[in-house]
């Protein structure tokens, strides 16, 4: 409202607050668990499968954190694929 009144706008999460950080991490974990269950690697590609956890995740986390976590998820999956492939190649080399 005015200078001293409260606003009806939702407040952005405060990353400096321990409770807000924990809430963000919990929401992220719930959303990523849902993505794992739907066998989706890239967040946003799940359609409506994980709508509720996604809404909570976007509500509880700062936009910059969401972008970071989403990129890390894709990168981690990519790295896991490379490591698996390298392990398979090593196993084949040892057989010969």
Protein backbone atom coordinates (compact mmCIF):
# COMPACT_ATOMS: atom_id res chain seq x y z
CA UNK A 1 0.00 0.00 0.00
CA UNK A 2 1.76 3.13 1.24
CA UNK A 3 5.19 3.64 2.58
CA UNK A 4 4.46 1.99 5.87
CA UNK A 5 1.79 -0.49 4.81
CA UNK A 6 2.28 -4.00 3.61
CA UNK A 7 2.10 -4.95 0.00
CA UNK A 8 -0.02 -7.73 -1.46
CA UNK A 9 2.88 -8.82 -3.65
CA UNK A 10 4.46 -12.13 -2.68
CA UNK A 11 7.92 -11.68 -1.29
CA UNK A 12 10.85 -13.26 -3.06
CA UNK A 13 12.74 -15.94 -1.16
CA UNK A 14 15.60 -14.55 0.89
CA UNK A 15 18.65 -16.71 0.12
CA UNK A 16 20.34 -15.31 3.21
CA UNK A 17 17.74 -16.96 5.44
CA UNK A 18 18.63 -20.46 6.56
CA UNK A 19 14.97 -21.52 6.54
CA UNK A 20 14.45 -20.19 3.01
CA UNK A 21 17.54 -22.00 1.74
CA UNK A 22 16.40 -25.25 3.33
CA UNK A 23 12.89 -24.82 1.92
CA UNK A 24 14.40 -24.24 -1.53
CA UNK A 25 16.59 -27.35 -1.30
CA UNK A 26 13.67 -29.46 -0.11
CA UNK A 27 11.48 -28.21 -2.97
CA UNK A 28 14.28 -28.82 -5.46
CA UNK A 29 14.77 -32.35 -4.18
CA UNK A 30 11.04 -33.10 -4.40
CA UNK A 31 10.87 -31.74 -7.95
CA UNK A 32 13.98 -33.60 -9.09
CA UNK A 33 12.69 -36.81 -7.50
CA UNK A 34 9.51 -36.39 -9.52
CA UNK A 35 11.58 -35.82 -12.67
CA UNK A 36 13.55 -38.99 -11.92
CA UNK A 37 10.29 -40.90 -11.56
CA UNK A 38 9.11 -39.54 -14.90
CA UNK A 39 12.52 -40.35 -16.41
CA UNK A 40 13.08 -36.75 -17.46
CA UNK A 41 16.57 -35.27 -17.41
CA UNK A 42 15.99 -31.67 -18.42
CA UNK A 43 13.68 -29.73 -16.11
CA UNK A 44 10.80 -28.24 -18.05
CA UNK A 45 10.51 -31.19 -20.44
CA UNK A 46 8.15 -33.14 -18.17
CA UNK A 47 4.93 -31.56 -19.35
CA UNK A 48 2.30 -31.75 -16.63
CA UNK A 49 3.81 -34.79 -14.90
CA UNK A 50 5.47 -32.79 -12.11
CA UNK A 51 3.37 -29.64 -12.10
CA UNK A 52 2.80 -29.36 -8.34
CA UNK A 53 6.44 -29.90 -7.28
CA UNK A 54 7.58 -27.52 -10.02
CA UNK A 55 5.28 -24.74 -8.82
CA UNK A 56 6.55 -25.18 -5.26
CA UNK A 57 10.17 -25.23 -6.47
CA UNK A 58 9.70 -22.02 -8.43
CA UNK A 59 7.97 -20.42 -5.46
CA UNK A 60 10.60 -21.39 -2.88
CA UNK A 61 13.79 -20.71 -4.86
CA UNK A 62 15.30 -17.59 -6.33
CA UNK A 63 15.33 -17.53 -10.15
CA UNK A 64 19.14 -17.59 -10.26
CA UNK A 65 19.20 -20.66 -8.03
CA UNK A 66 16.63 -22.43 -10.22
CA UNK A 67 18.72 -21.79 -13.31
CA UNK A 68 21.84 -23.04 -11.54
CA UNK A 69 20.20 -26.20 -10.16
CA UNK A 70 18.61 -27.03 -13.53
CA UNK A 71 21.92 -26.64 -15.38
CA UNK A 72 23.71 -28.73 -12.76
CA UNK A 73 21.15 -31.51 -13.13
CA UNK A 74 21.63 -31.71 -16.90
CA UNK A 75 25.41 -31.52 -16.55
CA UNK A 76 25.49 -34.24 -13.88
CA UNK A 77 23.41 -36.57 -16.06
CA UNK A 78 25.68 -35.90 -19.01
CA UNK A 79 28.78 -36.59 -16.90
CA UNK A 80 27.25 -39.80 -15.57
CA UNK A 81 26.69 -40.98 -19.14
CA UNK A 82 30.31 -40.26 -20.06
CA UNK A 83 31.58 -42.07 -16.96
CA UNK A 84 29.39 -45.08 -17.70
CA UNK A 85 30.62 -45.20 -21.28
CA UNK A 86 34.25 -44.95 -20.13
CA UNK A 87 33.68 -47.77 -17.66
CA UNK A 88 32.20 -49.95 -20.37
CA UNK A 89 35.15 -49.27 -22.66
CA UNK A 90 37.57 -50.11 -19.87
CA UNK A 91 35.77 -53.38 -19.18
CA UNK A 92 35.89 -54.32 -22.87
CA UNK A 93 39.60 -53.50 -23.02
CA UNK A 94 40.32 -55.75 -20.04
CA UNK A 95 38.47 -58.65 -21.70
CA UNK A 96 40.74 -58.54 -24.73
